[in-house]
Amino acid sequence: MYTYQPVGVCAKKIEFEVEGNALKNLVFTNGCPGNLIGIQKLVEGMDVDEVIRRLEGITCGKKITSCPDQLVKALERWKAGTLEKSDAPKGTGVPHLKLVM
C-alpha cells in the first residue's frame, strides 16, 4: 500500500496499491464522497499510465488542482520510485472511500 498526502484539495490522504501496472485498492480520506467513489470505480484495475493520461491537469472550481489531479501526482511519484510504501494493511473489503469528518 502506498500513501500520498495531497495538496490543495479536500482529500487529506490517498492510498493505493499497484499490481503489475494496474491501480488497485484506491482509498481517499475526506473529500466529496460521490465524486471520489465514482473516480475509484472508474480507475480500479486501470493501467497506471492510462489513469495519468485521463486525469492529469483536471482542476476543481478555482483551484489549480483536484483530487483526480492529485492522484496523478501520487502515481507519478510511484512511477519515479519516490513514493515509499506505507504500513497500511491491504484492502479490507469495505468501500474504498474513507470519510473522516
PDB file of N, CA and C in Angstrom:
ATOM      1  N   MET A   1       0.861  -1.174   0.000  1.00  0.00           N
ATOM      2  CA  MET A   1       0.000   0.000   0.000  1.00  0.00           C
ATOM      3  C   MET A   1       0.902   1.230   0.000  1.00  0.00           C
ATOM      4  N   TYR A   2       0.552   2.210  -0.820  1.00  0.00           N
ATOM      5  CA  TYR A   2       1.263   3.478  -0.873  1.00  0.00           C
ATOM      6  C   TYR A   2       0.341   4.568  -0.340  1.00  0.00           C
ATOM      7  N   THR A   3       0.916   5.555   0.329  1.00  0.00           N
ATOM      8  CA  THR A   3       0.158   6.669   0.879  1.00  0.00           C
ATOM      9  C   THR A   3       0.736   7.969   0.359  1.00  0.00           C
ATOM     10  N   TYR A   4      -0.158   8.867  -0.080  1.00  0.00           N
ATOM     11  CA  TYR A   4       0.241  10.167  -0.609  1.00  0.00           C
ATOM     12  C   TYR A   4      -0.578  11.240   0.096  1.00  0.00           C
ATOM     13  N   GLN A   5       0.076  12.319   0.497  1.00  0.00           N
ATOM     14  CA  GLN A   5      -0.606  13.451   1.129  1.00  0.00           C
ATOM     15  C   GLN A   5      -0.891  14.498   0.059  1.00  0.00           C
ATOM     16  N   PRO A   6      -2.140  14.609  -0.408  1.00  0.00           N
ATOM     17  CA  PRO A   6      -2.456  15.583  -1.451  1.00  0.00           C
ATOM     18  C   PRO A   6      -2.350  17.021  -0.947  1.00  0.00           C
ATOM     19  N   VAL A   7      -2.183  17.939  -1.877  1.00  0.00           N
ATOM     20  CA  VAL A   7      -2.020  19.360  -1.567  1.00  0.00           C
ATOM     21  C   VAL A   7      -3.085  20.159  -2.312  1.00  0.00           C
ATOM     22  N   GLY A   8      -3.748  21.076  -1.606  1.00  0.00           N
ATOM     23  CA  GLY A   8      -4.677  21.999  -2.248  1.00  0.00           C
ATOM     24  C   GLY A   8      -6.051  21.447  -2.561  1.00  0.00           C
ATOM     25  N   VAL A   9      -6.418  20.312  -1.948  1.00  0.00           N
ATOM     26  CA  VAL A   9      -7.726  19.707  -2.189  1.00  0.00           C
ATOM     27  C   VAL A   9      -8.360  19.308  -0.862  1.00  0.00           C
ATOM     28  N   CYS A  10      -9.626  18.896  -0.913  1.00  0.00           N
ATOM     29  CA  CYS A  10     -10.330  18.493   0.313  1.00  0.00           C
ATOM     30  C   CYS A  10      -9.856  17.152   0.855  1.00  0.00           C
ATOM     31  N   ALA A  11      -9.480  16.235  -0.028  1.00  0.00           N
ATOM     32  CA  ALA A  11      -8.973  14.939   0.429  1.00  0.00           C
ATOM     33  C   ALA A  11      -7.669  15.157   1.195  1.00  0.00           C
ATOM     34  N   LYS A  12      -7.503  14.447   2.279  1.00  0.00           N
ATOM     35  CA  LYS A  12      -6.315  14.590   3.132  1.00  0.00           C
ATOM     36  C   LYS A  12      -5.293  13.484   2.922  1.00  0.00           C
ATOM     37  N   LYS A  13      -5.733  12.370   2.310  1.00  0.00           N
ATOM     38  CA  LYS A  13      -4.823  11.256   2.089  1.00  0.00           C
ATOM     39  C   LYS A  13      -5.346  10.428   0.925  1.00  0.00           C
ATOM     40  N   ILE A  14      -4.409   9.912   0.111  1.00  0.00           N
ATOM     41  CA  ILE A  14      -4.733   8.982  -0.961  1.00  0.00           C
ATOM     42  C   ILE A  14      -3.888   7.738  -0.740  1.00  0.00           C
ATOM     43  N   GLU A  15      -4.548   6.582  -0.680  1.00  0.00           N
ATOM     44  CA  GLU A  15      -3.850   5.314  -0.507  1.00  0.00           C
ATOM     45  C   GLU A  15      -4.189   4.413  -1.691  1.00  0.00           C
ATOM     46  N   PHE A  16      -3.210   3.613  -2.122  1.00  0.00           N
ATOM     47  CA  PHE A  16      -3.443   2.725  -3.262  1.00  0.00           C
ATOM     48  C   PHE A  16      -2.379   1.646  -3.318  1.00  0.00           C
ATOM     49  N   GLU A  17      -2.666   0.637  -4.117  1.00  0.00           N
ATOM     50  CA  GLU A  17      -1.707  -0.406  -4.437  1.00  0.00           C
ATOM     51  C   GLU A  17      -1.601  -0.468  -5.954  1.00  0.00           C
ATOM     52  N   VAL A  18      -0.516  -1.055  -6.428  1.00  0.00           N
ATOM     53  CA  VAL A  18      -0.339  -1.290  -7.849  1.00  0.00           C
ATOM     54  C   VAL A  18       0.096  -2.739  -8.018  1.00  0.00           C
ATOM     55  N   GLU A  19      -0.625  -3.478  -8.863  1.00  0.00           N
ATOM     56  CA  GLU A  19      -0.265  -4.859  -9.203  1.00  0.00           C
ATOM     57  C   GLU A  19       0.083  -4.875 -10.676  1.00  0.00           C
ATOM     58  N   GLY A  20       1.315  -5.269 -10.999  1.00  0.00           N
ATOM     59  CA  GLY A  20       1.776  -5.136 -12.375  1.00  0.00           C
ATOM     60  C   GLY A  20       1.878  -3.649 -12.641  1.00  0.00           C
ATOM     61  N   ASN A  21       1.012  -3.154 -13.481  1.00  0.00           N
ATOM     62  CA  ASN A  21       0.910  -1.700 -13.678  1.00  0.00           C
ATOM     63  C   ASN A  21      -0.541  -1.259 -13.515  1.00  0.00           C
ATOM     64  N   ALA A  22      -1.343  -2.086 -12.811  1.00  0.00           N
ATOM     65  CA  ALA A  22      -2.766  -1.802 -12.624  1.00  0.00           C
ATOM     66  C   ALA A  22      -3.017  -1.209 -11.238  1.00  0.00           C
ATOM     67  N   LEU A  23      -3.814  -0.146 -11.190  1.00  0.00           N
ATOM     68  CA  LEU A  23      -4.173   0.524  -9.942  1.00  0.00           C
ATOM     69  C   LEU A  23      -5.181  -0.321  -9.176  1.00  0.00           C
ATOM     70  N   LYS A  24      -4.920  -0.537  -7.894  1.00  0.00           N
ATOM     71  CA  LYS A  24      -5.785  -1.371  -7.045  1.00  0.00           C
ATOM     72  C   LYS A  24      -6.011  -0.704  -5.696  1.00  0.00           C
ATOM     73  N   ASN A  25      -7.128  -1.032  -5.055  1.00  0.00           N
ATOM     74  CA  ASN A  25      -7.432  -0.640  -3.673  1.00  0.00           C
ATOM     75  C   ASN A  25      -7.241   0.850  -3.412  1.00  0.00           C
ATOM     76  N   LEU A  26      -7.806   1.675  -4.263  1.00  0.00           N
ATOM     77  CA  LEU A  26      -7.725   3.127  -4.125  1.00  0.00           C
ATOM     78  C   LEU A  26      -8.617   3.595  -2.986  1.00  0.00           C
ATOM     79  N   VAL A  27      -8.048   4.399  -2.079  1.00  0.00           N
ATOM     80  CA  VAL A  27      -8.784   4.926  -0.928  1.00  0.00           C
ATOM     81  C   VAL A  27      -8.475   6.415  -0.797  1.00  0.00           C
ATOM     82  N   PHE A  28      -9.510   7.252  -0.766  1.00  0.00           N
ATOM     83  CA  PHE A  28      -9.369   8.680  -0.469  1.00  0.00           C
ATOM     84  C   PHE A  28      -9.877   8.907   0.946  1.00  0.00           C
ATOM     85  N   THR A  29      -9.189   9.698   1.738  1.00  0.00           N
ATOM     86  CA  THR A  29      -9.670  10.096   3.064  1.00  0.00           C
ATOM     87  C   THR A  29     -10.131  11.544   2.955  1.00  0.00           C
ATOM     88  N   ASN A  30     -11.382  11.777   3.332  1.00  0.00           N
ATOM     89  CA  ASN A  30     -12.073  13.062   3.208  1.00  0.00           C
ATOM     90  C   ASN A  30     -12.385  13.345   1.742  1.00  0.00           C
ATOM     91  N   GLY A  31     -12.937  14.500   1.462  1.00  0.00           N
ATOM     92  CA  GLY A  31     -13.291  14.857   0.103  1.00  0.00           C
ATOM     93  C   GLY A  31     -14.768  14.663  -0.174  1.00  0.00           C
ATOM     94  N   CYS A  32     -15.154  14.803  -1.424  1.00  0.00           N
ATOM     95  CA  CYS A  32     -16.546  14.700  -1.876  1.00  0.00           C
ATOM     96  C   CYS A  32     -16.887  13.239  -2.145  1.00  0.00           C
ATOM     97  N   PRO A  33     -17.707  12.612  -1.296  1.00  0.00           N
ATOM     98  CA  PRO A  33     -17.927  11.173  -1.375  1.00  0.00           C
ATOM     99  C   PRO A  33     -18.374  10.673  -2.749  1.00  0.00           C
ATOM    100  N   GLY A  34     -19.399  11.261  -3.316  1.00  0.00           N
ATOM    101  CA  GLY A  34     -19.913  10.769  -4.593  1.00  0.00           C
ATOM    102  C   GLY A  34     -18.878  10.838  -5.700  1.00  0.00           C
ATOM    103  N   ASN A  35     -18.192  11.959  -5.790  1.00  0.00           N
ATOM    104  CA  ASN A  35     -17.172  12.122  -6.830  1.00  0.00           C
ATOM    105  C   ASN A  35     -16.020  11.142  -6.640  1.00  0.00           C
ATOM    106  N   LEU A  36     -15.565  10.977  -5.403  1.00  0.00           N
ATOM    107  CA  LEU A  36     -14.405  10.125  -5.172  1.00  0.00           C
ATOM    108  C   LEU A  36     -14.736   8.648  -5.311  1.00  0.00           C
ATOM    109  N   ILE A  37     -15.949   8.242  -4.931  1.00  0.00           N
ATOM    110  CA  ILE A  37     -16.367   6.865  -5.169  1.00  0.00           C
ATOM    111  C   ILE A  37     -16.448   6.628  -6.674  1.00  0.00           C
ATOM    112  N   GLY A  38     -16.974   7.603  -7.413  1.00  0.00           N
ATOM    113  CA  GLY A  38     -17.041   7.488  -8.870  1.00  0.00           C
ATOM    114  C   GLY A  38     -15.666   7.335  -9.486  1.00  0.00           C
ATOM    115  N   ILE A  39     -14.716   8.152  -9.062  1.00  0.00           N
ATOM    116  CA  ILE A  39     -13.346   8.052  -9.566  1.00  0.00           C
ATOM    117  C   ILE A  39     -12.778   6.676  -9.254  1.00  0.00           C
ATOM    118  N   GLN A  40     -12.943   6.229  -8.015  1.00  0.00           N
ATOM    119  CA  GLN A  40     -12.413   4.932  -7.601  1.00  0.00           C
ATOM    120  C   GLN A  40     -12.973   3.816  -8.480  1.00  0.00           C
ATOM    121  N   LYS A  41     -14.259   3.823  -8.709  1.00  0.00           N
ATOM    122  CA  LYS A  41     -14.872   2.760  -9.520  1.00  0.00           C
ATOM    123  C   LYS A  41     -14.421   2.824 -10.971  1.00  0.00           C
ATOM    124  N   LEU A  42     -14.182   4.012 -11.492  1.00  0.00           N
ATOM    125  CA  LEU A  42     -13.751   4.148 -12.880  1.00  0.00           C
ATOM    126  C   LEU A  42     -12.305   3.719 -13.103  1.00  0.00           C
ATOM    127  N   VAL A  43     -11.419   3.971 -12.139  1.00  0.00           N
ATOM    128  CA  VAL A  43      -9.997   3.706 -12.367  1.00  0.00           C
ATOM    129  C   VAL A  43      -9.510   2.394 -11.760  1.00  0.00           C
ATOM    130  N   GLU A  44     -10.305   1.749 -10.920  1.00  0.00           N
ATOM    131  CA  GLU A  44      -9.901   0.488 -10.296  1.00  0.00           C
ATOM    132  C   GLU A  44      -9.556  -0.537 -11.375  1.00  0.00           C
ATOM    133  N   GLY A  45      -8.337  -1.063 -11.329  1.00  0.00           N
ATOM    134  CA  GLY A  45      -7.885  -2.051 -12.293  1.00  0.00           C
ATOM    135  C   GLY A  45      -7.305  -1.467 -13.577  1.00  0.00           C
ATOM    136  N   MET A  46      -7.403  -0.148 -13.738  1.00  0.00           N
ATOM    137  CA  MET A  46      -6.902   0.511 -14.939  1.00  0.00           C
ATOM    138  C   MET A  46      -5.380   0.620 -14.903  1.00  0.00           C
ATOM    139  N   ASP A  47      -4.763   0.588 -16.064  1.00  0.00           N
ATOM    140  CA  ASP A  47      -3.333   0.787 -16.182  1.00  0.00           C
ATOM    141  C   ASP A  47      -2.956   2.168 -15.648  1.00  0.00           C
ATOM    142  N   VAL A  48      -1.898   2.224 -14.852  1.00  0.00           N
ATOM    143  CA  VAL A  48      -1.463   3.474 -14.221  1.00  0.00           C
ATOM    144  C   VAL A  48      -1.235   4.570 -15.264  1.00  0.00           C
ATOM    145  N   ASP A  49      -0.615   4.237 -16.382  1.00  0.00           N
ATOM    146  CA  ASP A  49      -0.346   5.248 -17.409  1.00  0.00           C
ATOM    147  C   ASP A  49      -1.639   5.808 -18.008  1.00  0.00           C
ATOM    148  N   GLU A  50      -2.657   4.961 -18.112  1.00  0.00           N
ATOM    149  CA  GLU A  50      -3.950   5.415 -18.626  1.00  0.00           C
ATOM    150  C   GLU A  50      -4.640   6.333 -17.612  1.00  0.00           C
ATOM    151  N   VAL A  51      -4.549   5.999 -16.321  1.00  0.00           N
ATOM    152  CA  VAL A  51      -5.112   6.869 -15.285  1.00  0.00           C
ATOM    153  C   VAL A  51      -4.449   8.242 -15.368  1.00  0.00           C
ATOM    154  N   ILE A  52      -3.144   8.260 -15.478  1.00  0.00           N
ATOM    155  CA  ILE A  52      -2.407   9.531 -15.571  1.00  0.00           C
ATOM    156  C   ILE A  52      -2.862  10.314 -16.799  1.00  0.00           C
ATOM    157  N   ARG A  53      -2.954   9.638 -17.928  1.00  0.00           N
ATOM    158  CA  ARG A  53      -3.349  10.307 -19.180  1.00  0.00           C
ATOM    159  C   ARG A  53      -4.743  10.926 -19.070  1.00  0.00           C
ATOM    160  N   ARG A  54      -5.654  10.218 -18.450  1.00  0.00           N
ATOM    161  CA  ARG A  54      -7.040  10.689 -18.382  1.00  0.00           C
ATOM    162  C   ARG A  54      -7.275  11.781 -17.332  1.00  0.00           C
ATOM    163  N   LEU A  55      -6.549  11.739 -16.212  1.00  0.00           N
ATOM    164  CA  LEU A  55      -6.866  12.618 -15.086  1.00  0.00           C
ATOM    165  C   LEU A  55      -5.925  13.799 -14.902  1.00  0.00           C
ATOM    166  N   GLU A  56      -4.781  13.787 -15.549  1.00  0.00           N
ATOM    167  CA  GLU A  56      -3.790  14.843 -15.358  1.00  0.00           C
ATOM    168  C   GLU A  56      -4.346  16.212 -15.759  1.00  0.00           C
ATOM    169  N   GLY A  57      -4.139  17.182 -14.878  1.00  0.00           N
ATOM    170  CA  GLY A  57      -4.499  18.562 -15.167  1.00  0.00           C
ATOM    171  C   GLY A  57      -5.934  18.952 -14.868  1.00  0.00           C
ATOM    172  N   ILE A  58      -6.755  18.029 -14.372  1.00  0.00           N
ATOM    173  CA  ILE A  58      -8.135  18.368 -14.015  1.00  0.00           C
ATOM    174  C   ILE A  58      -8.106  19.317 -12.824  1.00  0.00           C
ATOM    175  N   THR A  59      -8.906  20.366 -12.888  1.00  0.00           N
ATOM    176  CA  THR A  59      -8.993  21.320 -11.783  1.00  0.00           C
ATOM    177  C   THR A  59     -10.343  21.196 -11.095  1.00  0.00           C
ATOM    178  N   CYS A  60     -10.463  21.815  -9.920  1.00  0.00           N
ATOM    179  CA  CYS A  60     -11.697  21.802  -9.143  1.00  0.00           C
ATOM    180  C   CYS A  60     -12.074  23.242  -8.836  1.00  0.00           C
ATOM    181  N   GLY A  61     -13.116  23.725  -9.475  1.00  0.00           N
ATOM    182  CA  GLY A  61     -13.512  25.119  -9.271  1.00  0.00           C
ATOM    183  C   GLY A  61     -12.380  26.056  -9.629  1.00  0.00           C
ATOM    184  N   LYS A  62     -12.038  26.942  -8.717  1.00  0.00           N
ATOM    185  CA  LYS A  62     -10.961  27.911  -8.955  1.00  0.00           C
ATOM    186  C   LYS A  62      -9.593  27.387  -8.525  1.00  0.00           C
ATOM    187  N   LYS A  63      -9.543  26.170  -8.002  1.00  0.00           N
ATOM    188  CA  LYS A  63      -8.270  25.577  -7.584  1.00  0.00           C
ATOM    189  C   LYS A  63      -7.456  25.191  -8.818  1.00  0.00           C
ATOM    190  N   ILE A  64      -6.145  25.159  -8.672  1.00  0.00           N
ATOM    191  CA  ILE A  64      -5.284  24.788  -9.793  1.00  0.00           C
ATOM    192  C   ILE A  64      -5.071  23.274  -9.880  1.00  0.00           C
ATOM    193  N   THR A  65      -5.698  22.532  -8.980  1.00  0.00           N
ATOM    194  CA  THR A  65      -5.585  21.080  -8.952  1.00  0.00           C
ATOM    195  C   THR A  65      -6.926  20.499  -8.528  1.00  0.00           C
ATOM    196  N   SER A  66      -6.984  19.194  -8.364  1.00  0.00           N
ATOM    197  CA  SER A  66      -8.198  18.497  -7.942  1.00  0.00           C
ATOM    198  C   SER A  66      -7.788  17.161  -7.334  1.00  0.00           C
ATOM    199  N   CYS A  67      -8.740  16.452  -6.770  1.00  0.00           N
ATOM    200  CA  CYS A  67      -8.423  15.115  -6.245  1.00  0.00           C
ATOM    201  C   CYS A  67      -7.930  14.186  -7.355  1.00  0.00           C
ATOM    202  N   PRO A  68      -8.573  14.173  -8.550  1.00  0.00           N
ATOM    203  CA  PRO A  68      -8.032  13.332  -9.614  1.00  0.00           C
ATOM    204  C   PRO A  68      -6.613  13.741 -10.016  1.00  0.00           C
ATOM    205  N   ASP A  69      -6.344  15.034 -10.087  1.00  0.00           N
ATOM    206  CA  ASP A  69      -5.011  15.515 -10.440  1.00  0.00           C
ATOM    207  C   ASP A  69      -3.998  15.148  -9.358  1.00  0.00           C
ATOM    208  N   GLN A  70      -4.405  15.170  -8.101  1.00  0.00           N
ATOM    209  CA  GLN A  70      -3.516  14.780  -7.019  1.00  0.00           C
ATOM    210  C   GLN A  70      -3.240  13.268  -7.058  1.00  0.00           C
ATOM    211  N   LEU A  71      -4.222  12.476  -7.489  1.00  0.00           N
ATOM    212  CA  LEU A  71      -3.978  11.054  -7.696  1.00  0.00           C
ATOM    213  C   LEU A  71      -2.891  10.871  -8.757  1.00  0.00           C
ATOM    214  N   VAL A  72      -2.950  11.667  -9.810  1.00  0.00           N
ATOM    215  CA  VAL A  72      -1.910  11.633 -10.845  1.00  0.00           C
ATOM    216  C   VAL A  72      -0.537  11.930 -10.236  1.00  0.00           C
ATOM    217  N   LYS A  73      -0.465  12.946  -9.383  1.00  0.00           N
ATOM    218  CA  LYS A  73       0.812  13.289  -8.733  1.00  0.00           C
ATOM    219  C   LYS A  73       1.338  12.099  -7.932  1.00  0.00           C
ATOM    220  N   ALA A  74       0.437  11.415  -7.216  1.00  0.00           N
ATOM    221  CA  ALA A  74       0.831  10.245  -6.436  1.00  0.00           C
ATOM    222  C   ALA A  74       1.351   9.137  -7.348  1.00  0.00           C
ATOM    223  N   LEU A  75       0.653   8.892  -8.441  1.00  0.00           N
ATOM    224  CA  LEU A  75       1.067   7.828  -9.359  1.00  0.00           C
ATOM    225  C   LEU A  75       2.382   8.168 -10.063  1.00  0.00           C
ATOM    226  N   GLU A  76       2.581   9.438 -10.358  1.00  0.00           N
ATOM    227  CA  GLU A  76       3.852   9.843 -10.961  1.00  0.00           C
ATOM    228  C   GLU A  76       5.010   9.620  -9.992  1.00  0.00           C
ATOM    229  N   ARG A  77       4.789   9.915  -8.723  1.00  0.00           N
ATOM    230  CA  ARG A  77       5.828   9.649  -7.714  1.00  0.00           C
ATOM    231  C   ARG A  77       6.073   8.156  -7.577  1.00  0.00           C
ATOM    232  N   TRP A  78       5.007   7.347  -7.635  1.00  0.00           N
ATOM    233  CA  TRP A  78       5.163   5.898  -7.585  1.00  0.00           C
ATOM    234  C   TRP A  78       6.016   5.433  -8.766  1.00  0.00           C
ATOM    235  N   LYS A  79       5.694   5.927  -9.955  1.00  0.00           N
ATOM    236  CA  LYS A  79       6.453   5.527 -11.142  1.00  0.00           C
ATOM    237  C   LYS A  79       7.923   5.928 -11.036  1.00  0.00           C
ATOM    238  N   ALA A  80       8.189   7.082 -10.448  1.00  0.00           N
ATOM    239  CA  ALA A  80       9.552   7.578 -10.311  1.00  0.00           C
ATOM    240  C   ALA A  80      10.308   6.883  -9.180  1.00  0.00           C
ATOM    241  N   GLY A  81       9.588   6.101  -8.377  1.00  0.00           N
ATOM    242  CA  GLY A  81      10.215   5.403  -7.258  1.00  0.00           C
ATOM    243  C   GLY A  81      10.461   6.280  -6.053  1.00  0.00           C
ATOM    244  N   THR A  82       9.773   7.425  -5.964  1.00  0.00           N
ATOM    245  CA  THR A  82       9.981   8.352  -4.850  1.00  0.00           C
ATOM    246  C   THR A  82       8.846   8.327  -3.827  1.00  0.00           C
ATOM    247  N   LEU A  83       7.890   7.412  -3.997  1.00  0.00           N
ATOM    248  CA  LEU A  83       6.791   7.276  -3.038  1.00  0.00           C
ATOM    249  C   LEU A  83       7.022   5.980  -2.269  1.00  0.00           C
ATOM    250  N   GLU A  84       7.227   6.117  -0.965  1.00  0.00           N
ATOM    251  CA  GLU A  84       7.519   4.944  -0.144  1.00  0.00           C
ATOM    252  C   GLU A  84       6.251   4.185   0.200  1.00  0.00           C
ATOM    253  N   LYS A  85       6.403   2.875   0.384  1.00  0.00           N
ATOM    254  CA  LYS A  85       5.279   2.055   0.836  1.00  0.00           C
ATOM    255  C   LYS A  85       4.928   2.427   2.257  1.00  0.00           C
ATOM    256  N   SER A  86       3.633   2.360   2.575  1.00  0.00           N
ATOM    257  CA  SER A  86       3.187   2.597   3.948  1.00  0.00           C
ATOM    258  C   SER A  86       2.943   1.256   4.617  1.00  0.00           C
ATOM    259  N   ASP A  87       2.690   1.287   5.896  1.00  0.00           N
ATOM    260  CA  ASP A  87       2.420   0.069   6.649  1.00  0.00           C
ATOM    261  C   ASP A  87       0.938  -0.261   6.688  1.00  0.00           C
ATOM    262  N   ALA A  88       0.130   0.474   5.909  1.00  0.00           N
ATOM    263  CA  ALA A  88      -1.316   0.253   5.929  1.00  0.00           C
ATOM    264  C   ALA A  88      -1.631  -1.158   5.425  1.00  0.00           C
ATOM    265  N   PRO A  89      -2.620  -1.827   6.030  1.00  0.00           N
ATOM    266  CA  PRO A  89      -2.983  -3.164   5.571  1.00  0.00           C
ATOM    267  C   PRO A  89      -3.642  -3.107   4.202  1.00  0.00           C
ATOM    268  N   LYS A  90      -3.629  -4.223   3.499  1.00  0.00           N
ATOM    269  CA  LYS A  90      -4.296  -4.299   2.202  1.00  0.00           C
ATOM    270  C   LYS A  90      -5.792  -4.155   2.401  1.00  0.00           C
ATOM    271  N   GLY A  91      -6.518  -3.966   1.283  1.00  0.00           N
ATOM    272  CA  GLY A  91      -7.961  -3.753   1.300  1.00  0.00           C
ATOM    273  C   GLY A  91      -8.688  -4.694   2.240  1.00  0.00           C
ATOM    274  N   THR A  92      -9.707  -4.179   2.894  1.00  0.00           N
ATOM    275  CA  THR A  92     -10.422  -4.961   3.894  1.00  0.00           C
ATOM    276  C   THR A  92     -11.801  -5.391   3.420  1.00  0.00           C
ATOM    277  N   GLY A  93     -12.132  -5.125   2.160  1.00  0.00           N
ATOM    278  CA  GLY A  93     -13.435  -5.497   1.663  1.00  0.00           C
ATOM    279  C   GLY A  93     -14.506  -4.463   1.954  1.00  0.00           C
ATOM    280  N   VAL A  94     -14.143  -3.349   2.564  1.00  0.00           N
ATOM    281  CA  VAL A  94     -15.083  -2.269   2.822  1.00  0.00           C
ATOM    282  C   VAL A  94     -15.021  -1.293   1.659  1.00  0.00           C
ATOM    283  N   PRO A  95     -15.997  -0.402   1.512  1.00  0.00           N
ATOM    284  CA  PRO A  95     -15.946   0.566   0.427  1.00  0.00           C
ATOM    285  C   PRO A  95     -14.607   1.305   0.411  1.00  0.00           C
ATOM    286  N   HIS A  96     -14.132   1.603  -0.781  1.00  0.00           N
ATOM    287  CA  HIS A  96     -12.807   2.204  -0.954  1.00  0.00           C
ATOM    288  C   HIS A  96     -12.829   3.715  -0.820  1.00  0.00           C
ATOM    289  N   LEU A  97     -13.637   4.219   0.066  1.00  0.00           N
ATOM    290  CA  LEU A  97     -13.642   5.644   0.373  1.00  0.00           C
ATOM    291  C   LEU A  97     -13.839   5.773   1.861  1.00  0.00           C
ATOM    292  N   LYS A  98     -12.906   6.372   2.519  1.00  0.00           N
ATOM    293  CA  LYS A  98     -12.985   6.554   3.962  1.00  0.00           C
ATOM    294  C   LYS A  98     -13.186   8.036   4.206  1.00  0.00           C
ATOM    295  N   LEU A  99     -14.328   8.389   4.719  1.00  0.00           N
ATOM    296  CA  LEU A  99     -14.609   9.792   5.017  1.00  0.00           C
ATOM    297  C   LEU A  99     -14.379  10.044   6.486  1.00  0.00           C
ATOM    298  N   VAL A 100     -13.492  10.953   6.777  1.00  0.00           N
ATOM    299  CA  VAL A 100     -13.198  11.305   8.149  1.00  0.00           C
ATOM    300  C   VAL A 100     -13.578  12.762   8.316  1.00  0.00           C
ATOM    301  N   MET A 101     -14.597  13.017   9.097  1.00  0.00           N
ATOM    302  CA  MET A 101     -15.081  14.390   9.270  1.00  0.00           C
ATOM    303  C   MET A 101     -14.580  14.976  10.552  1.00  0.00           C
TER     304      MET A 101
END
